[in-house]
Amino acid sequence: MSDGPAAQSPWQTVTIRRIEKRTPRVTSFFLEPSRPFAYRAGQHVDVRLTAPDGYQARRSYSIASG
């Protein structure tokens, strides 16, 4: 039993709204987060993919703009 609200997970679900292939080696992903978060251009986010079979991949990406 807890006396206060549960701590919020640092992970959140996002929806991919658009994918643009910029060059053969650069792809832009436009994501819509499930809840707002504050950031500045140039910061990075850790992205974790969890596949249906349980496999997880984790990568860091920089945020280019808002």
PDB file of N, CA and C in Angstrom:
ATOM      1  N   MET A   1       0.843  -1.173   0.000  1.00  0.00           N
ATOM      2  CA  MET A   1       0.000   0.000   0.000  1.00  0.00           C
ATOM      3  C   MET A   1       0.888   1.235   0.000  1.00  0.00           C
ATOM      4  N   SER A   2       0.462   2.254  -0.716  1.00  0.00           N
ATOM      5  CA  SER A   2       1.254   3.461  -0.873  1.00  0.00           C
ATOM      6  C   SER A   2       0.497   4.665  -0.348  1.00  0.00           C
ATOM      7  N   ASP A   3       1.236   5.613   0.243  1.00  0.00           N
ATOM      8  CA  ASP A   3       0.603   6.822   0.759  1.00  0.00           C
ATOM      9  C   ASP A   3       0.473   7.911  -0.298  1.00  0.00           C
ATOM     10  N   GLY A   4       1.286   7.857  -1.356  1.00  0.00           N
ATOM     11  CA  GLY A   4       1.282   8.907  -2.366  1.00  0.00           C
ATOM     12  C   GLY A   4       1.038   8.347  -3.744  1.00  0.00           C
ATOM     13  N   PRO A   5       1.024   9.237  -4.735  1.00  0.00           N
ATOM     14  CA  PRO A   5       0.827   8.768  -6.108  1.00  0.00           C
ATOM     15  C   PRO A   5       2.015   7.938  -6.582  1.00  0.00           C
ATOM     16  N   ALA A   6       1.740   7.022  -7.476  1.00  0.00           N
ATOM     17  CA  ALA A   6       2.802   6.172  -8.020  1.00  0.00           C
ATOM     18  C   ALA A   6       3.754   7.017  -8.865  1.00  0.00           C
ATOM     19  N   ALA A   7       5.016   6.655  -8.827  1.00  0.00           N
ATOM     20  CA  ALA A   7       6.017   7.359  -9.643  1.00  0.00           C
ATOM     21  C   ALA A   7       5.731   7.104 -11.117  1.00  0.00           C
ATOM     22  N   GLN A   8       5.919   8.132 -11.939  1.00  0.00           N
ATOM     23  CA  GLN A   8       5.675   8.005 -13.365  1.00  0.00           C
ATOM     24  C   GLN A   8       6.881   7.350 -14.030  1.00  0.00           C
ATOM     25  N   SER A   9       6.622   6.413 -14.918  1.00  0.00           N
ATOM     26  CA  SER A   9       7.692   5.729 -15.635  1.00  0.00           C
ATOM     27  C   SER A   9       8.422   6.710 -16.548  1.00  0.00           C
ATOM     28  N   PRO A  10       9.749   6.582 -16.675  1.00  0.00           N
ATOM     29  CA  PRO A  10      10.469   7.451 -17.605  1.00  0.00           C
ATOM     30  C   PRO A  10      10.173   7.089 -19.068  1.00  0.00           C
ATOM     31  N   TRP A  11       9.582   5.928 -19.310  1.00  0.00           N
ATOM     32  CA  TRP A  11       9.237   5.499 -20.665  1.00  0.00           C
ATOM     33  C   TRP A  11       7.798   5.874 -20.964  1.00  0.00           C
ATOM     34  N   GLN A  12       7.526   6.192 -22.213  1.00  0.00           N
ATOM     35  CA  GLN A  12       6.154   6.422 -22.638  1.00  0.00           C
ATOM     36  C   GLN A  12       5.968   5.906 -24.057  1.00  0.00           C
ATOM     37  N   THR A  13       4.724   5.628 -24.395  1.00  0.00           N
ATOM     38  CA  THR A  13       4.387   5.138 -25.721  1.00  0.00           C
ATOM     39  C   THR A  13       4.241   6.312 -26.678  1.00  0.00           C
ATOM     40  N   VAL A  14       4.735   6.146 -27.897  1.00  0.00           N
ATOM     41  CA  VAL A  14       4.562   7.171 -28.935  1.00  0.00           C
ATOM     42  C   VAL A  14       3.925   6.529 -30.167  1.00  0.00           C
ATOM     43  N   THR A  15       3.310   7.369 -30.979  1.00  0.00           N
ATOM     44  CA  THR A  15       2.742   6.937 -32.250  1.00  0.00           C
ATOM     45  C   THR A  15       3.585   7.538 -33.368  1.00  0.00           C
ATOM     46  N   ILE A  16       3.989   6.717 -34.326  1.00  0.00           N
ATOM     47  CA  ILE A  16       4.731   7.220 -35.482  1.00  0.00           C
ATOM     48  C   ILE A  16       3.718   7.850 -36.429  1.00  0.00           C
ATOM     49  N   ARG A  17       3.839   9.155 -36.650  1.00  0.00           N
ATOM     50  CA  ARG A  17       2.910   9.882 -37.519  1.00  0.00           C
ATOM     51  C   ARG A  17       3.401   9.959 -38.962  1.00  0.00           C
ATOM     52  N   ARG A  18       4.722   9.988 -39.150  1.00  0.00           N
ATOM     53  CA  ARG A  18       5.263  10.108 -40.505  1.00  0.00           C
ATOM     54  C   ARG A  18       6.712   9.641 -40.501  1.00  0.00           C
ATOM     55  N   ILE A  19       7.140   9.052 -41.602  1.00  0.00           N
ATOM     56  CA  ILE A  19       8.534   8.648 -41.801  1.00  0.00           C
ATOM     57  C   ILE A  19       8.990   9.238 -43.126  1.00  0.00           C
ATOM     58  N   GLU A  20      10.124   9.944 -43.108  1.00  0.00           N
ATOM     59  CA  GLU A  20      10.679  10.530 -44.333  1.00  0.00           C
ATOM     60  C   GLU A  20      12.112  10.052 -44.527  1.00  0.00           C
ATOM     61  N   LYS A  21      12.375   9.450 -45.666  1.00  0.00           N
ATOM     62  CA  LYS A  21      13.728   9.024 -46.030  1.00  0.00           C
ATOM     63  C   LYS A  21      14.441  10.236 -46.610  1.00  0.00           C
ATOM     64  N   ARG A  22      15.419  10.790 -45.875  1.00  0.00           N
ATOM     65  CA  ARG A  22      16.111  12.014 -46.296  1.00  0.00           C
ATOM     66  C   ARG A  22      17.264  11.719 -47.257  1.00  0.00           C
ATOM     67  N   THR A  23      18.045  10.721 -46.922  1.00  0.00           N
ATOM     68  CA  THR A  23      19.164  10.269 -47.753  1.00  0.00           C
ATOM     69  C   THR A  23      19.223   8.755 -47.576  1.00  0.00           C
ATOM     70  N   PRO A  24      20.100   8.056 -48.300  1.00  0.00           N
ATOM     71  CA  PRO A  24      20.196   6.608 -48.096  1.00  0.00           C
ATOM     72  C   PRO A  24      20.536   6.217 -46.647  1.00  0.00           C
ATOM     73  N   ARG A  25      21.154   7.149 -45.877  1.00  0.00           N
ATOM     74  CA  ARG A  25      21.556   6.819 -44.507  1.00  0.00           C
ATOM     75  C   ARG A  25      20.826   7.612 -43.429  1.00  0.00           C
ATOM     76  N   VAL A  26      19.926   8.510 -43.820  1.00  0.00           N
ATOM     77  CA  VAL A  26      19.230   9.356 -42.841  1.00  0.00           C
ATOM     78  C   VAL A  26      17.723   9.243 -43.040  1.00  0.00           C
ATOM     79  N   THR A  27      17.020   8.920 -41.962  1.00  0.00           N
ATOM     80  CA  THR A  27      15.566   8.839 -41.970  1.00  0.00           C
ATOM     81  C   THR A  27      15.029   9.670 -40.818  1.00  0.00           C
ATOM     82  N   SER A  28      13.988  10.454 -41.079  1.00  0.00           N
ATOM     83  CA  SER A  28      13.329  11.242 -40.027  1.00  0.00           C
ATOM     84  C   SER A  28      12.037  10.551 -39.620  1.00  0.00           C
ATOM     85  N   PHE A  29      11.831  10.446 -38.313  1.00  0.00           N
ATOM     86  CA  PHE A  29      10.607   9.886 -37.762  1.00  0.00           C
ATOM     87  C   PHE A  29       9.881  10.996 -37.022  1.00  0.00           C
ATOM     88  N   PHE A  30       8.623  11.178 -37.310  1.00  0.00           N
ATOM     89  CA  PHE A  30       7.805  12.187 -36.647  1.00  0.00           C
ATOM     90  C   PHE A  30       6.892  11.448 -35.676  1.00  0.00           C
ATOM     91  N   LEU A  31       7.115  11.694 -34.386  1.00  0.00           N
ATOM     92  CA  LEU A  31       6.446  10.936 -33.330  1.00  0.00           C
ATOM     93  C   LEU A  31       5.465  11.798 -32.557  1.00  0.00           C
ATOM     94  N   GLU A  32       4.392  11.179 -32.103  1.00  0.00           N
ATOM     95  CA  GLU A  32       3.431  11.854 -31.235  1.00  0.00           C
ATOM     96  C   GLU A  32       3.462  11.147 -29.876  1.00  0.00           C
ATOM     97  N   PRO A  33       3.955  11.823 -28.838  1.00  0.00           N
ATOM     98  CA  PRO A  33       4.043  11.188 -27.519  1.00  0.00           C
ATOM     99  C   PRO A  33       2.669  11.035 -26.868  1.00  0.00           C
ATOM    100  N   SER A  34       2.582  10.084 -25.946  1.00  0.00           N
ATOM    101  CA  SER A  34       1.325   9.858 -25.229  1.00  0.00           C
ATOM    102  C   SER A  34       1.076  10.931 -24.175  1.00  0.00           C
ATOM    103  N   ARG A  35       2.128  11.623 -23.758  1.00  0.00           N
ATOM    104  CA  ARG A  35       1.983  12.752 -22.830  1.00  0.00           C
ATOM    105  C   ARG A  35       3.082  13.759 -23.144  1.00  0.00           C
ATOM    106  N   PRO A  36       2.856  15.041 -22.876  1.00  0.00           N
ATOM    107  CA  PRO A  36       3.862  16.061 -23.203  1.00  0.00           C
ATOM    108  C   PRO A  36       5.156  15.878 -22.406  1.00  0.00           C
ATOM    109  N   PHE A  37       6.252  16.338 -22.976  1.00  0.00           N
ATOM    110  CA  PHE A  37       7.517  16.379 -22.247  1.00  0.00           C
ATOM    111  C   PHE A  37       8.317  17.578 -22.734  1.00  0.00           C
ATOM    112  N   ALA A  38       9.115  18.139 -21.850  1.00  0.00           N
ATOM    113  CA  ALA A  38       9.904  19.331 -22.179  1.00  0.00           C
ATOM    114  C   ALA A  38      11.267  18.907 -22.722  1.00  0.00           C
ATOM    115  N   TYR A  39      11.757  19.649 -23.699  1.00  0.00           N
ATOM    116  CA  TYR A  39      13.078  19.372 -24.272  1.00  0.00           C
ATOM    117  C   TYR A  39      13.574  20.604 -25.007  1.00  0.00           C
ATOM    118  N   ARG A  40      14.848  20.590 -25.341  1.00  0.00           N
ATOM    119  CA  ARG A  40      15.463  21.625 -26.175  1.00  0.00           C
ATOM    120  C   ARG A  40      16.097  20.950 -27.376  1.00  0.00           C
ATOM    121  N   ALA A  41      16.069  21.637 -28.508  1.00  0.00           N
ATOM    122  CA  ALA A  41      16.708  21.085 -29.708  1.00  0.00           C
ATOM    123  C   ALA A  41      18.162  20.759 -29.386  1.00  0.00           C
ATOM    124  N   GLY A  42      18.622  19.597 -29.843  1.00  0.00           N
ATOM    125  CA  GLY A  42      19.987  19.162 -29.573  1.00  0.00           C
ATOM    126  C   GLY A  42      20.082  18.153 -28.446  1.00  0.00           C
ATOM    127  N   GLN A  43      19.070  18.089 -27.593  1.00  0.00           N
ATOM    128  CA  GLN A  43      19.072  17.068 -26.549  1.00  0.00           C
ATOM    129  C   GLN A  43      18.826  15.712 -27.194  1.00  0.00           C
ATOM    130  N   HIS A  44      19.002  14.655 -26.422  1.00  0.00           N
ATOM    131  CA  HIS A  44      18.752  13.330 -26.973  1.00  0.00           C
ATOM    132  C   HIS A  44      17.655  12.625 -26.188  1.00  0.00           C
ATOM    133  N   VAL A  45      17.066  11.640 -26.840  1.00  0.00           N
ATOM    134  CA  VAL A  45      16.095  10.766 -26.192  1.00  0.00           C
ATOM    135  C   VAL A  45      16.542   9.333 -26.430  1.00  0.00           C
ATOM    136  N   ASP A  46      16.248   8.479 -25.494  1.00  0.00           N
ATOM    137  CA  ASP A  46      16.471   7.052 -25.676  1.00  0.00           C
ATOM    138  C   ASP A  46      15.174   6.452 -26.195  1.00  0.00           C
ATOM    139  N   VAL A  47      15.272   5.708 -27.292  1.00  0.00           N
ATOM    140  CA  VAL A  47      14.109   5.070 -27.897  1.00  0.00           C
ATOM    141  C   VAL A  47      14.263   3.570 -27.703  1.00  0.00           C
ATOM    142  N   ARG A  48      13.218   2.955 -27.182  1.00  0.00           N
ATOM    143  CA  ARG A  48      13.237   1.508 -26.956  1.00  0.00           C
ATOM    144  C   ARG A  48      12.081   0.881 -27.726  1.00  0.00           C
ATOM    145  N   LEU A  49      12.408  -0.093 -28.540  1.00  0.00           N
ATOM    146  CA  LEU A  49      11.411  -0.855 -29.280  1.00  0.00           C
ATOM    147  C   LEU A  49      11.250  -2.194 -28.585  1.00  0.00           C
ATOM    148  N   THR A  50      10.022  -2.571 -28.327  1.00  0.00           N
ATOM    149  CA  THR A  50       9.742  -3.899 -27.801  1.00  0.00           C
ATOM    150  C   THR A  50       8.914  -4.634 -28.846  1.00  0.00           C
ATOM    151  N   ALA A  51       9.489  -5.664 -29.441  1.00  0.00           N
ATOM    152  CA  ALA A  51       8.819  -6.439 -30.484  1.00  0.00           C
ATOM    153  C   ALA A  51       7.813  -7.403 -29.856  1.00  0.00           C
ATOM    154  N   PRO A  52       6.860  -7.892 -30.650  1.00  0.00           N
ATOM    155  CA  PRO A  52       5.863  -8.831 -30.131  1.00  0.00           C
ATOM    156  C   PRO A  52       6.464 -10.076 -29.470  1.00  0.00           C
ATOM    157  N   ASP A  53       7.660 -10.493 -29.927  1.00  0.00           N
ATOM    158  CA  ASP A  53       8.287 -11.684 -29.332  1.00  0.00           C
ATOM    159  C   ASP A  53       9.087 -11.366 -28.068  1.00  0.00           C
ATOM    160  N   GLY A  54       9.061 -10.085 -27.634  1.00  0.00           N
ATOM    161  CA  GLY A  54       9.763  -9.696 -26.416  1.00  0.00           C
ATOM    162  C   GLY A  54      11.140  -9.095 -26.646  1.00  0.00           C
ATOM    163  N   TYR A  55      11.671  -9.206 -27.868  1.00  0.00           N
ATOM    164  CA  TYR A  55      12.978  -8.617 -28.182  1.00  0.00           C
ATOM    165  C   TYR A  55      12.926  -7.110 -27.966  1.00  0.00           C
ATOM    166  N   GLN A  56      13.982  -6.560 -27.353  1.00  0.00           N
ATOM    167  CA  GLN A  56      14.058  -5.118 -27.148  1.00  0.00           C
ATOM    168  C   GLN A  56      15.336  -4.566 -27.761  1.00  0.00           C
ATOM    169  N   ALA A  57      15.193  -3.430 -28.429  1.00  0.00           N
ATOM    170  CA  ALA A  57      16.333  -2.686 -28.961  1.00  0.00           C
ATOM    171  C   ALA A  57      16.246  -1.283 -28.389  1.00  0.00           C
ATOM    172  N   ARG A  58      17.390  -0.712 -28.022  1.00  0.00           N
ATOM    173  CA  ARG A  58      17.419   0.626 -27.434  1.00  0.00           C
ATOM    174  C   ARG A  58      18.503   1.442 -28.124  1.00  0.00           C
ATOM    175  N   ARG A  59      18.124   2.644 -28.569  1.00  0.00           N
ATOM    176  CA  ARG A  59      19.054   3.539 -29.250  1.00  0.00           C
ATOM    177  C   ARG A  59      18.836   4.960 -28.749  1.00  0.00           C
ATOM    178  N   SER A  60      19.859   5.804 -28.868  1.00  0.00           N
ATOM    179  CA  SER A  60      19.744   7.221 -28.516  1.00  0.00           C
ATOM    180  C   SER A  60      19.715   8.046 -29.793  1.00  0.00           C
ATOM    181  N   TYR A  61      18.838   9.048 -29.804  1.00  0.00           N
ATOM    182  CA  TYR A  61      18.691   9.934 -30.958  1.00  0.00           C
ATOM    183  C   TYR A  61      18.618  11.369 -30.481  1.00  0.00           C
ATOM    184  N   SER A  62      19.121  12.296 -31.309  1.00  0.00           N
ATOM    185  CA  SER A  62      19.022  13.714 -30.960  1.00  0.00           C
ATOM    186  C   SER A  62      17.700  14.273 -31.468  1.00  0.00           C
ATOM    187  N   ILE A  63      17.187  15.268 -30.743  1.00  0.00           N
ATOM    188  CA  ILE A  63      15.955  15.948 -31.126  1.00  0.00           C
ATOM    189  C   ILE A  63      16.354  17.155 -31.963  1.00  0.00           C
ATOM    190  N   ALA A  64      15.908  17.198 -33.210  1.00  0.00           N
ATOM    191  CA  ALA A  64      16.312  18.273 -34.111  1.00  0.00           C
ATOM    192  C   ALA A  64      15.480  19.532 -33.918  1.00  0.00           C
ATOM    193  N   SER A  65      14.185  19.392 -33.706  1.00  0.00           N
ATOM    194  CA  SER A  65      13.317  20.563 -33.550  1.00  0.00           C
ATOM    195  C   SER A  65      11.984  20.138 -32.952  1.00  0.00           C
ATOM    196  N   GLY A  66      11.164  21.144 -32.656  1.00  0.00           N
ATOM    197  CA  GLY A  66       9.864  20.863 -32.045  1.00  0.00           C
ATOM    198  C   GLY A  66       8.730  20.987 -32.994  1.00  0.00           C
TER     199      GLY A  66
END
